[in-house]
């Protein structure tokens, strides 16, 4: 594990510890064994980071269920050995991260299964709608669930959105300017006409923002007639969820981005039990 996640994990732990776990410090100084179990079905994500949290306090950890594993209620995820104070002071930080990441991975997996039943070639992408300070872990959980990360930071790819166009007043000129410096350019559009314009100007990816399935199908056909469809990847975004995603997957789209997998997280219930 590189230093960046380690630093974040240390920060999470420090946030919870404050000046120290004064309750656990009342206990006798002795070694104990504990295990983390799941209370419900789900996909495990983040167990390697959980291990790192406990290791940072001198504990030993044996992973029983690896990231990506499907689990049922009361199954053991990992076993921990160490001083009582160390294990109990790490408990909540470890469970919070495991719960959130597993919730994201579980939701991602469910949505991907629905996409695959409609069109296996379509890829599911996370958005930047993540909790501040948790983006690395949120996006990692999406990847564990079978999805794609998209942009992690603003410096990874040019994405021209409506507000950028409002400032310049011209989508085409902004695309031309971007193409002089960058190879990969995505453009968000709100109309079929703008989708055609973006493709003509040299965009690599076109995000169809808040298009309904019928509008997407129509846009795909317009681009085909203009011999531009094969030159661009099409992404659907906006108002897409677990209930309607199959309809979008059948439209001929290449990518679907869904904000709710990271911005409306329902955690998986885990518990730490001392043997």
Protein backbone atom coordinates (compact mmCIF):
# COMPACT_ATOMS: atom_id res chain seq x y z
CA UNK A 1 0.00 0.00 0.00
CA UNK A 2 1.43 3.41 -0.97
CA UNK A 3 1.76 6.28 1.47
CA UNK A 4 -1.26 8.29 0.33
CA UNK A 5 -3.97 5.89 1.62
CA UNK A 6 -1.90 5.25 4.75
CA UNK A 7 -1.85 8.96 5.55
CA UNK A 8 -5.59 9.20 5.08
CA UNK A 9 -6.22 6.17 7.29
CA UNK A 10 -4.04 7.70 10.00
CA UNK A 11 -6.06 10.91 9.70
CA UNK A 12 -9.35 9.01 10.03
CA UNK A 13 -8.09 7.27 13.14
CA UNK A 14 -6.78 10.49 14.68
CA UNK A 15 -10.16 12.14 14.07
CA UNK A 16 -11.85 9.48 16.20
CA UNK A 17 -9.16 9.14 18.89
CA UNK A 18 -8.78 12.77 19.83
CA UNK A 19 -6.29 12.74 22.72
CA UNK A 20 -6.86 9.02 23.28
CA UNK A 21 -9.53 6.40 24.01
CA UNK A 22 -10.06 7.16 27.69
CA UNK A 23 -12.65 4.37 28.09
CA UNK A 24 -10.49 1.58 26.65
CA UNK A 25 -7.54 2.84 28.69
CA UNK A 26 -9.46 1.84 31.84
CA UNK A 27 -9.19 -1.83 30.80
CA UNK A 28 -6.39 -4.17 31.94
CA UNK A 29 -3.47 -4.27 29.51
CA UNK A 30 -3.88 -7.69 27.92
CA UNK A 31 -4.06 -9.33 24.52
CA UNK A 32 -7.44 -10.28 23.14
CA UNK A 33 -8.90 -11.82 19.99
CA UNK A 34 -11.72 -10.27 18.03
CA UNK A 35 -13.44 -10.71 14.70
CA UNK A 36 -15.45 -8.54 12.36
CA UNK A 37 -18.67 -10.13 11.17
CA UNK A 38 -21.32 -8.97 8.72
CA UNK A 39 -24.95 -8.54 9.75
CA UNK A 40 -26.34 -8.58 6.20
CA UNK A 41 -25.64 -9.69 2.65
CA UNK A 42 -23.28 -7.63 0.55
CA UNK A 43 -19.98 -7.29 -1.28
CA UNK A 44 -16.89 -6.76 0.88
CA UNK A 45 -14.82 -3.68 0.04
CA UNK A 46 -12.07 -2.02 2.03
CA UNK A 47 -10.82 -4.97 4.06
CA UNK A 48 -7.19 -4.21 3.16
CA UNK A 49 -7.59 -0.71 4.58
CA UNK A 50 -9.24 -2.13 7.69
CA UNK A 51 -6.20 -4.37 8.11
CA UNK A 52 -3.89 -1.37 7.77
CA UNK A 53 -5.79 0.52 10.49
CA UNK A 54 -5.30 -2.30 12.99
CA UNK A 55 -1.69 -2.93 11.92
CA UNK A 56 -0.89 0.72 12.63
CA UNK A 57 -1.70 0.03 16.28
CA UNK A 58 0.43 -3.11 16.50
CA UNK A 59 -2.36 -5.67 15.97
CA UNK A 60 -2.24 -8.79 13.81
CA UNK A 61 -4.98 -9.36 11.24
CA UNK A 62 -6.06 -12.41 9.27
CA UNK A 63 -8.36 -11.61 6.35
CA UNK A 64 -11.06 -14.24 5.88
CA UNK A 65 -13.15 -12.58 3.15
CA UNK A 66 -11.22 -10.64 0.49
CA UNK A 67 -12.42 -7.53 -1.31
CA UNK A 68 -15.07 -8.42 -3.86
CA UNK A 69 -16.32 -11.42 -1.87
CA UNK A 70 -20.06 -11.89 -1.55
CA UNK A 71 -21.02 -12.43 2.10
CA UNK A 72 -24.09 -13.46 4.08
CA UNK A 73 -25.16 -12.51 7.63
CA UNK A 74 -22.93 -13.69 10.50
CA UNK A 75 -19.95 -14.58 8.32
CA UNK A 76 -16.49 -13.64 9.61
CA UNK A 77 -14.70 -11.02 7.52
CA UNK A 78 -11.42 -10.89 9.43
CA UNK A 79 -9.82 -11.92 12.74
CA UNK A 80 -7.75 -9.54 14.85
CA UNK A 81 -5.29 -10.20 17.67
CA UNK A 82 -3.74 -7.46 19.83
CA UNK A 83 -3.97 -5.38 22.96
CA UNK A 84 -7.55 -4.68 24.01
CA UNK A 85 -6.91 -0.91 23.98
CA UNK A 86 -5.51 -1.06 20.43
CA UNK A 87 -8.32 -3.15 18.96
CA UNK A 88 -11.15 -1.23 20.62
CA UNK A 89 -9.71 2.19 19.77
CA UNK A 90 -9.62 1.22 16.07
CA UNK A 91 -13.04 -0.43 16.04
CA UNK A 92 -15.30 2.40 14.91
CA UNK A 93 -12.94 3.86 12.30
CA UNK A 94 -12.43 0.43 10.75
CA UNK A 95 -16.15 -0.44 10.76
CA UNK A 96 -17.20 2.94 9.35
CA UNK A 97 -14.85 2.65 6.38
CA UNK A 98 -15.69 -1.00 5.76
CA UNK A 99 -19.43 -0.26 5.96
CA UNK A 100 -19.30 2.65 3.52
CA UNK A 101 -17.00 1.01 0.98
CA UNK A 102 -18.95 -2.26 1.09
CA UNK A 103 -22.21 -0.36 0.63
CA UNK A 104 -20.83 1.34 -2.47
CA UNK A 105 -19.44 -1.92 -3.88
CA UNK A 106 -22.72 -3.73 -3.21
CA UNK A 107 -24.79 -1.03 -4.93
CA UNK A 108 -22.35 -0.94 -7.85
CA UNK A 109 -22.56 -4.71 -8.28
CA UNK A 110 -26.38 -4.65 -8.31
CA UNK A 111 -26.49 -1.94 -10.96
CA UNK A 112 -23.87 -3.64 -13.12
CA UNK A 113 -25.87 -6.88 -13.05
CA UNK A 114 -28.86 -4.97 -14.41
CA UNK A 115 -26.73 -3.31 -17.10
CA UNK A 116 -25.24 -6.66 -18.14
CA UNK A 117 -28.68 -8.20 -18.51
CA UNK A 118 -29.50 -5.47 -21.04
CA UNK A 119 -26.16 -4.73 -22.74
CA UNK A 120 -22.89 -6.23 -21.41
CA UNK A 121 -20.71 -3.79 -23.40
CA UNK A 122 -21.96 -0.76 -21.47
CA UNK A 123 -19.66 0.36 -18.62
CA UNK A 124 -20.78 1.90 -15.33
CA UNK A 125 -18.80 4.92 -14.10
CA UNK A 126 -18.63 6.72 -10.78
CA UNK A 127 -18.85 10.52 -10.69
CA UNK A 128 -17.07 13.14 -8.59
CA UNK A 129 -20.13 13.23 -6.31
CA UNK A 130 -18.19 11.75 -3.43
CA UNK A 131 -17.86 12.71 0.23
CA UNK A 132 -15.08 15.31 0.66
CA UNK A 133 -11.95 13.56 1.88
CA UNK A 134 -13.25 10.11 0.91
CA UNK A 135 -12.98 10.20 -2.89
CA UNK A 136 -10.08 7.75 -3.12
CA UNK A 137 -11.93 5.17 -1.01
CA UNK A 138 -15.34 5.80 -2.62
CA UNK A 139 -13.92 5.33 -6.11
CA UNK A 140 -11.90 2.31 -5.01
CA UNK A 141 -15.13 0.73 -3.73
CA UNK A 142 -16.77 1.32 -7.11
CA UNK A 143 -13.86 -0.47 -8.78
CA UNK A 144 -14.16 -3.41 -6.36
CA UNK A 145 -17.87 -3.61 -7.20
CA UNK A 146 -17.00 -3.87 -10.90
CA UNK A 147 -17.45 -0.25 -11.99
CA UNK A 148 -15.06 2.33 -13.43
CA UNK A 149 -13.61 5.35 -11.63
CA UNK A 150 -13.88 8.07 -14.35
CA UNK A 151 -11.97 11.24 -13.33
CA UNK A 152 -10.41 11.14 -9.88
CA UNK A 153 -9.28 14.78 -10.07
CA UNK A 154 -9.81 17.73 -12.38
CA UNK A 155 -6.32 17.40 -13.87
CA UNK A 156 -6.92 13.93 -15.31
CA UNK A 157 -9.08 14.85 -18.29
CA UNK A 158 -10.64 17.87 -19.93
CA UNK A 159 -14.40 17.87 -19.36
CA UNK A 160 -16.17 20.86 -20.86
CA UNK A 161 -19.47 21.51 -19.10
CA UNK A 162 -22.25 24.09 -19.46
CA UNK A 163 -20.64 26.63 -17.13
CA UNK A 164 -17.37 26.51 -19.06
CA UNK A 165 -19.27 27.17 -22.27
CA UNK A 166 -21.21 30.02 -20.61
CA UNK A 167 -17.92 31.76 -19.77
CA UNK A 168 -16.46 31.46 -23.28
CA UNK A 169 -19.67 31.63 -25.28
CA UNK A 170 -18.49 28.99 -27.75
CA UNK A 171 -18.31 25.22 -27.36
CA UNK A 172 -16.43 24.73 -30.62
CA UNK A 173 -13.66 27.23 -29.85
CA UNK A 174 -13.14 25.69 -26.41
CA UNK A 175 -12.85 22.19 -27.92
CA UNK A 176 -10.37 23.45 -30.55
CA UNK A 177 -8.31 25.15 -27.84
CA UNK A 178 -8.33 22.02 -25.68
CA UNK A 179 -7.29 19.78 -28.57
CA UNK A 180 -4.07 21.79 -29.01
CA UNK A 181 -2.88 20.67 -25.55
CA UNK A 182 -4.79 17.51 -24.63
CA UNK A 183 -5.60 14.22 -26.34
CA UNK A 184 -8.73 13.25 -24.40
CA UNK A 185 -11.67 15.65 -24.27
CA UNK A 186 -15.17 15.10 -22.96
CA UNK A 187 -18.01 17.54 -23.55
CA UNK A 188 -21.33 17.71 -21.72
CA UNK A 189 -24.28 18.57 -23.97
CA UNK A 190 -27.96 19.18 -23.35
CA UNK A 191 -29.30 18.98 -26.92
CA UNK A 192 -28.91 16.72 -29.94
CA UNK A 193 -27.64 19.68 -31.95
CA UNK A 194 -24.85 20.26 -29.45
CA UNK A 195 -23.97 16.56 -29.51
CA UNK A 196 -23.50 16.77 -33.28
CA UNK A 197 -21.48 19.98 -32.91
CA UNK A 198 -19.23 18.47 -30.22
CA UNK A 199 -18.56 15.38 -32.34
CA UNK A 200 -17.80 17.51 -35.39
CA UNK A 201 -15.39 19.69 -33.40
CA UNK A 202 -13.36 16.67 -32.25
CA UNK A 203 -14.62 15.66 -28.80
CA UNK A 204 -13.65 12.10 -27.80
CA UNK A 205 -16.49 11.56 -25.32
CA UNK A 206 -19.89 13.23 -25.33
CA UNK A 207 -21.93 13.23 -22.14
CA UNK A 208 -25.65 13.35 -22.89
CA UNK A 209 -26.87 15.21 -19.81
CA UNK A 210 -30.43 14.45 -18.69
CA UNK A 211 -31.39 12.86 -22.04
CA UNK A 212 -34.18 10.31 -21.76
CA UNK A 213 -33.75 6.92 -23.50
CA UNK A 214 -35.72 7.98 -26.60
CA UNK A 215 -33.57 11.11 -26.98
CA UNK A 216 -30.39 9.05 -26.64
CA UNK A 217 -31.51 6.60 -29.34
CA UNK A 218 -32.35 9.54 -31.62
CA UNK A 219 -28.94 11.14 -30.95
CA UNK A 220 -27.14 7.86 -31.70
CA UNK A 221 -28.96 7.67 -35.06
CA UNK A 222 -28.15 11.31 -35.91
CA UNK A 223 -24.44 10.70 -35.25
CA UNK A 224 -24.53 7.52 -37.36
CA UNK A 225 -26.05 9.39 -40.30
CA UNK A 226 -23.30 12.00 -40.00
CA UNK A 227 -20.63 9.24 -39.90
CA UNK A 228 -19.51 10.49 -36.48
CA UNK A 229 -20.79 7.75 -34.17
CA UNK A 230 -17.64 5.61 -34.39
CA UNK A 231 -15.43 8.62 -33.61
CA UNK A 232 -16.92 9.27 -30.17
CA UNK A 233 -17.93 7.46 -27.01
CA UNK A 234 -21.33 8.39 -25.65
CA UNK A 235 -22.03 8.73 -21.95
CA UNK A 236 -25.48 8.97 -20.37
CA UNK A 237 -25.78 10.94 -17.15
CA UNK A 238 -28.49 12.51 -15.02
CA UNK A 239 -31.56 10.96 -13.42
CA UNK A 240 -30.26 7.41 -13.86
CA UNK A 241 -30.75 4.93 -11.04
CA UNK A 242 -31.10 1.25 -10.24
CA UNK A 243 -34.77 1.26 -11.30
CA UNK A 244 -34.41 2.71 -14.80
CA UNK A 245 -30.85 1.84 -15.79
CA UNK A 246 -31.79 -1.12 -18.02
CA UNK A 247 -33.73 1.23 -20.29
CA UNK A 248 -30.65 3.43 -20.68
CA UNK A 249 -28.33 0.46 -21.24
CA UNK A 250 -30.40 -0.60 -24.27
CA UNK A 251 -30.05 2.74 -26.10
CA UNK A 252 -26.68 2.14 -27.79
CA UNK A 253 -24.76 4.16 -25.21
CA UNK A 254 -21.15 3.27 -24.26
CA UNK A 255 -20.96 4.62 -20.72
CA UNK A 256 -23.38 5.37 -17.91
CA UNK A 257 -22.41 7.53 -14.94
CA UNK A 258 -24.50 7.27 -11.78
CA UNK A 259 -24.00 9.70 -8.92
CA UNK A 260 -26.11 7.83 -6.38
CA UNK A 261 -23.62 4.98 -5.97
CA UNK A 262 -21.31 7.38 -4.11
CA UNK A 263 -23.50 10.28 -2.97
CA UNK A 264 -26.39 8.28 -1.49
CA UNK A 265 -24.53 5.48 0.24
CA UNK A 266 -26.33 2.88 2.35
CA UNK A 267 -23.66 1.13 4.37
CA UNK A 268 -23.47 -2.60 5.00
CA UNK A 269 -23.85 -3.48 8.69
CA UNK A 270 -20.69 -4.96 10.26
CA UNK A 271 -19.87 -5.64 13.89
CA UNK A 272 -16.69 -6.28 15.86
CA UNK A 273 -17.00 -9.02 18.46
CA UNK A 274 -14.42 -9.81 21.15
CA UNK A 275 -13.88 -13.55 21.60
